[in-house]
């Protein structure tokens, strides 16, 4: 270190450090005589790179729309999604007689209804009846006829 007349300090230092990415900065202190310089060094991986040597690649925009990367670069699916590319929606209660089209949303096959497509639809026109399978009309007590309307 040298003091200059205009009060600037010239400084040259050579240090060989093995650094890894970290949330914490490494404080470096250089002293010579009554002059001390302190500075912090922090190594960060480039975008979409993770790990101690920044060699793990994880890009959430490649391979799936519902993918995210963990702090250590592992591919994770967002809540409600699964599969290799996080493109398979999850319906927690299942879609028994239908298809899961987005998290928690089923589209039922013909003749089925309910959030999980687990209830049959009675025959069209069934007034006072129920079904055990699609398009049935089983009459409630004291009702009769094709549509349980008598």
C-alpha atoms as a PDB file:
ATOM      1  CA  UNK A   1       0.000   0.000   0.000  1.00  0.00           C
ATOM      2  CA  UNK A   2       1.213   3.457  -0.766  1.00  0.00           C
ATOM      3  CA  UNK A   3      -0.131   6.770   0.347  1.00  0.00           C
ATOM      4  CA  UNK A   4      -0.348   9.336  -2.408  1.00  0.00           C
ATOM      5  CA  UNK A   5      -0.355  13.104  -1.987  1.00  0.00           C
ATOM      6  CA  UNK A   6      -3.999  13.373  -3.044  1.00  0.00           C
ATOM      7  CA  UNK A   7      -4.858  10.917  -0.241  1.00  0.00           C
ATOM      8  CA  UNK A   8      -5.684   8.039  -2.566  1.00  0.00           C
ATOM      9  CA  UNK A   9      -4.366   4.672  -1.538  1.00  0.00           C
ATOM     10  CA  UNK A  10      -2.826   2.395  -4.113  1.00  0.00           C
ATOM     11  CA  UNK A  11      -3.264  -1.215  -3.277  1.00  0.00           C
ATOM     12  CA  UNK A  12      -2.253  -4.476  -4.841  1.00  0.00           C
ATOM     13  CA  UNK A  13      -2.916  -7.839  -3.321  1.00  0.00           C
ATOM     14  CA  UNK A  14      -2.666 -11.376  -4.599  1.00  0.00           C
ATOM     15  CA  UNK A  15      -4.582 -14.014  -2.730  1.00  0.00           C
ATOM     16  CA  UNK A  16      -5.425 -17.495  -3.872  1.00  0.00           C
ATOM     17  CA  UNK A  17      -8.723 -18.468  -2.352  1.00  0.00           C
ATOM     18  CA  UNK A  18     -10.959 -21.404  -3.029  1.00  0.00           C
ATOM     19  CA  UNK A  19     -14.436 -19.940  -2.979  1.00  0.00           C
ATOM     20  CA  UNK A  20     -17.844 -21.530  -3.317  1.00  0.00           C
ATOM     21  CA  UNK A  21     -21.220 -19.889  -3.767  1.00  0.00           C
ATOM     22  CA  UNK A  22     -22.736 -18.926  -0.455  1.00  0.00           C
ATOM     23  CA  UNK A  23     -25.298 -16.623   1.071  1.00  0.00           C
ATOM     24  CA  UNK A  24     -22.538 -15.287   3.311  1.00  0.00           C
ATOM     25  CA  UNK A  25     -19.839 -12.930   2.133  1.00  0.00           C
ATOM     26  CA  UNK A  26     -16.213 -13.616   2.967  1.00  0.00           C
ATOM     27  CA  UNK A  27     -14.574 -10.618   4.658  1.00  0.00           C
ATOM     28  CA  UNK A  28     -11.020  -9.934   3.521  1.00  0.00           C
ATOM     29  CA  UNK A  29      -8.792  -7.642   5.568  1.00  0.00           C
ATOM     30  CA  UNK A  30      -5.500  -6.275   4.277  1.00  0.00           C
ATOM     31  CA  UNK A  31      -3.217  -4.335   6.619  1.00  0.00           C
ATOM     32  CA  UNK A  32       0.046  -2.543   6.098  1.00  0.00           C
ATOM     33  CA  UNK A  33       1.385  -0.201   8.703  1.00  0.00           C
ATOM     34  CA  UNK A  34      -1.398   2.038   9.907  1.00  0.00           C
ATOM     35  CA  UNK A  35      -3.554   1.407   6.830  1.00  0.00           C
ATOM     36  CA  UNK A  36      -6.251  -1.208   6.725  1.00  0.00           C
ATOM     37  CA  UNK A  37      -8.591  -2.154   3.888  1.00  0.00           C
ATOM     38  CA  UNK A  38     -11.570  -4.439   4.367  1.00  0.00           C
ATOM     39  CA  UNK A  39     -13.813  -5.780   1.648  1.00  0.00           C
ATOM     40  CA  UNK A  40     -16.345  -8.556   1.235  1.00  0.00           C
ATOM     41  CA  UNK A  41     -16.346 -11.190  -1.474  1.00  0.00           C
ATOM     42  CA  UNK A  42     -19.421 -13.170  -2.330  1.00  0.00           C
ATOM     43  CA  UNK A  43     -19.682 -15.796  -5.042  1.00  0.00           C
ATOM     44  CA  UNK A  44     -23.040 -16.371  -6.692  1.00  0.00           C
ATOM     45  CA  UNK A  45     -23.921 -18.870  -9.386  1.00  0.00           C
ATOM     46  CA  UNK A  46     -25.205 -17.608 -12.711  1.00  0.00           C
ATOM     47  CA  UNK A  47     -28.904 -17.790 -13.526  1.00  0.00           C
ATOM     48  CA  UNK A  48     -30.246 -21.378 -13.454  1.00  0.00           C
ATOM     49  CA  UNK A  49     -26.982 -22.816 -12.032  1.00  0.00           C
ATOM     50  CA  UNK A  50     -26.681 -24.286  -8.543  1.00  0.00           C
ATOM     51  CA  UNK A  51     -24.335 -26.259  -6.312  1.00  0.00           C
ATOM     52  CA  UNK A  52     -20.922 -25.748  -4.729  1.00  0.00           C
ATOM     53  CA  UNK A  53     -19.275 -25.360  -8.125  1.00  0.00           C
ATOM     54  CA  UNK A  54     -22.288 -23.968 -10.007  1.00  0.00           C
ATOM     55  CA  UNK A  55     -22.450 -27.116 -12.138  1.00  0.00           C
ATOM     56  CA  UNK A  56     -26.065 -28.128 -11.479  1.00  0.00           C
ATOM     57  CA  UNK A  57     -28.379 -26.734 -14.131  1.00  0.00           C
ATOM     58  CA  UNK A  58     -32.076 -26.263 -13.390  1.00  0.00           C
ATOM     59  CA  UNK A  59     -34.229 -24.023 -15.556  1.00  0.00           C
ATOM     60  CA  UNK A  60     -37.886 -23.871 -14.512  1.00  0.00           C
ATOM     61  CA  UNK A  61     -38.985 -22.699 -17.959  1.00  0.00           C
ATOM     62  CA  UNK A  62     -37.675 -25.826 -19.704  1.00  0.00           C
ATOM     63  CA  UNK A  63     -39.737 -28.982 -19.650  1.00  0.00           C
ATOM     64  CA  UNK A  64     -42.830 -27.852 -17.832  1.00  0.00           C
ATOM     65  CA  UNK A  65     -44.912 -24.863 -16.933  1.00  0.00           C
ATOM     66  CA  UNK A  66     -45.294 -25.888 -13.301  1.00  0.00           C
ATOM     67  CA  UNK A  67     -41.661 -26.598 -12.478  1.00  0.00           C
ATOM     68  CA  UNK A  68     -39.525 -24.773  -9.928  1.00  0.00           C
ATOM     69  CA  UNK A  69     -35.980 -25.248  -8.691  1.00  0.00           C
ATOM     70  CA  UNK A  70     -35.016 -25.814  -5.067  1.00  0.00           C
ATOM     71  CA  UNK A  71     -32.158 -23.771  -3.529  1.00  0.00           C
ATOM     72  CA  UNK A  72     -29.789 -26.670  -4.323  1.00  0.00           C
ATOM     73  CA  UNK A  73     -30.986 -27.019  -7.938  1.00  0.00           C
ATOM     74  CA  UNK A  74     -33.344 -29.960  -7.644  1.00  0.00           C
ATOM     75  CA  UNK A  75     -36.331 -29.933  -9.997  1.00  0.00           C
ATOM     76  CA  UNK A  76     -39.569 -29.671  -8.020  1.00  0.00           C
ATOM     77  CA  UNK A  77     -43.174 -29.528  -9.111  1.00  0.00           C
ATOM     78  CA  UNK A  78     -45.330 -26.658  -7.926  1.00  0.00           C
ATOM     79  CA  UNK A  79     -48.175 -27.586  -5.580  1.00  0.00           C
ATOM     80  CA  UNK A  80     -50.935 -29.459  -7.373  1.00  0.00           C
ATOM     81  CA  UNK A  81     -48.711 -30.808 -10.151  1.00  0.00           C
ATOM     82  CA  UNK A  82     -46.698 -33.999 -10.647  1.00  0.00           C
ATOM     83  CA  UNK A  83     -44.896 -36.042 -13.281  1.00  0.00           C
ATOM     84  CA  UNK A  84     -41.475 -35.898 -14.906  1.00  0.00           C
ATOM     85  CA  UNK A  85     -42.153 -32.471 -16.390  1.00  0.00           C
ATOM     86  CA  UNK A  86     -44.696 -31.349 -13.774  1.00  0.00           C
ATOM     87  CA  UNK A  87     -47.475 -31.349 -16.371  1.00  0.00           C
ATOM     88  CA  UNK A  88     -49.787 -33.832 -14.632  1.00  0.00           C
ATOM     89  CA  UNK A  89     -52.431 -32.147 -12.459  1.00  0.00           C
ATOM     90  CA  UNK A  90     -53.278 -33.658  -9.087  1.00  0.00           C
ATOM     91  CA  UNK A  91     -56.864 -34.049  -7.943  1.00  0.00           C
ATOM     92  CA  UNK A  92     -56.448 -34.948  -4.274  1.00  0.00           C
ATOM     93  CA  UNK A  93     -59.784 -36.769  -4.076  1.00  0.00           C
ATOM     94  CA  UNK A  94     -59.275 -38.407  -7.464  1.00  0.00           C
ATOM     95  CA  UNK A  95     -61.420 -38.279 -10.588  1.00  0.00           C
ATOM     96  CA  UNK A  96     -63.092 -41.654 -10.307  1.00  0.00           C
ATOM     97  CA  UNK A  97     -65.146 -41.438 -13.501  1.00  0.00           C
ATOM     98  CA  UNK A  98     -63.483 -38.506 -15.189  1.00  0.00           C
ATOM     99  CA  UNK A  99     -60.248 -36.698 -15.940  1.00  0.00           C
ATOM    100  CA  UNK A 100     -58.189 -34.367 -13.781  1.00  0.00           C
ATOM    101  CA  UNK A 101     -57.589 -31.296 -15.970  1.00  0.00           C
ATOM    102  CA  UNK A 102     -56.030 -28.915 -13.417  1.00  0.00           C
ATOM    103  CA  UNK A 103     -55.270 -29.166  -9.698  1.00  0.00           C
ATOM    104  CA  UNK A 104     -58.516 -30.082  -7.950  1.00  0.00           C
ATOM    105  CA  UNK A 105     -60.634 -29.846 -11.133  1.00  0.00           C
ATOM    106  CA  UNK A 106     -62.238 -32.910 -12.712  1.00  0.00           C
ATOM    107  CA  UNK A 107     -64.176 -33.169 -15.947  1.00  0.00           C
ATOM    108  CA  UNK A 108     -66.643 -36.020 -15.610  1.00  0.00           C
ATOM    109  CA  UNK A 109     -67.429 -38.657 -18.218  1.00  0.00           C
ATOM    110  CA  UNK A 110     -70.964 -38.751 -19.528  1.00  0.00           C
ATOM    111  CA  UNK A 111     -73.405 -39.910 -16.871  1.00  0.00           C
ATOM    112  CA  UNK A 112     -71.290 -38.847 -13.885  1.00  0.00           C
ATOM    113  CA  UNK A 113     -71.203 -35.771 -11.653  1.00  0.00           C
ATOM    114  CA  UNK A 114     -69.651 -34.374  -8.465  1.00  0.00           C
ATOM    115  CA  UNK A 115     -66.259 -32.901  -7.586  1.00  0.00           C
ATOM    116  CA  UNK A 116     -64.644 -36.329  -7.938  1.00  0.00           C
ATOM    117  CA  UNK A 117     -67.046 -37.621 -10.617  1.00  0.00           C
ATOM    118  CA  UNK A 118     -68.186 -40.239  -8.115  1.00  0.00           C
ATOM    119  CA  UNK A 119     -71.969 -39.759  -8.313  1.00  0.00           C
ATOM    120  CA  UNK A 120     -74.049 -41.066 -11.179  1.00  0.00           C
ATOM    121  CA  UNK A 121     -76.537 -38.830 -12.990  1.00  0.00           C
ATOM    122  CA  UNK A 122     -80.069 -40.230 -12.964  1.00  0.00           C
ATOM    123  CA  UNK A 123     -81.976 -40.650 -16.202  1.00  0.00           C
ATOM    124  CA  UNK A 124     -83.068 -37.314 -17.683  1.00  0.00           C
ATOM    125  CA  UNK A 125     -86.555 -36.541 -16.384  1.00  0.00           C
ATOM    126  CA  UNK A 126     -86.223 -38.659 -13.226  1.00  0.00           C
ATOM    127  CA  UNK A 127     -88.330 -36.762 -10.664  1.00  0.00           C
ATOM    128  CA  UNK A 128     -88.291 -38.660  -7.376  1.00  0.00           C
ATOM    129  CA  UNK A 129     -85.580 -41.201  -7.958  1.00  0.00           C
ATOM    130  CA  UNK A 130     -81.890 -41.899  -7.734  1.00  0.00           C
ATOM    131  CA  UNK A 131     -79.314 -44.024  -9.518  1.00  0.00           C
ATOM    132  CA  UNK A 132     -76.620 -46.589  -8.790  1.00  0.00           C
ATOM    133  CA  UNK A 133     -75.199 -46.247 -12.301  1.00  0.00           C
ATOM    134  CA  UNK A 134     -75.635 -43.563 -14.976  1.00  0.00           C
ATOM    135  CA  UNK A 135     -79.065 -43.023 -16.547  1.00  0.00           C
ATOM    136  CA  UNK A 136     -80.986 -45.149 -14.052  1.00  0.00           C
ATOM    137  CA  UNK A 137     -84.114 -43.971 -12.288  1.00  0.00           C
ATOM    138  CA  UNK A 138     -84.757 -46.007  -9.145  1.00  0.00           C
ATOM    139  CA  UNK A 139     -87.875 -44.681  -7.480  1.00  0.00           C
ATOM    140  CA  UNK A 140     -87.968 -43.457  -3.912  1.00  0.00           C
ATOM    141  CA  UNK A 141     -90.575 -44.988  -1.589  1.00  0.00           C
ATOM    142  CA  UNK A 142     -94.174 -44.348  -2.685  1.00  0.00           C
ATOM    143  CA  UNK A 143     -93.169 -43.215  -6.198  1.00  0.00           C
ATOM    144  CA  UNK A 144     -93.451 -45.135  -9.469  1.00  0.00           C
ATOM    145  CA  UNK A 145     -93.385 -44.880 -13.225  1.00  0.00           C
ATOM    146  CA  UNK A 146     -90.485 -44.625 -15.666  1.00  0.00           C
ATOM    147  CA  UNK A 147     -89.498 -41.228 -14.282  1.00  0.00           C
ATOM    148  CA  UNK A 148     -90.706 -41.779 -10.692  1.00  0.00           C
ATOM    149  CA  UNK A 149     -93.289 -39.074 -11.235  1.00  0.00           C
ATOM    150  CA  UNK A 150     -96.426 -41.025 -10.168  1.00  0.00           C
END
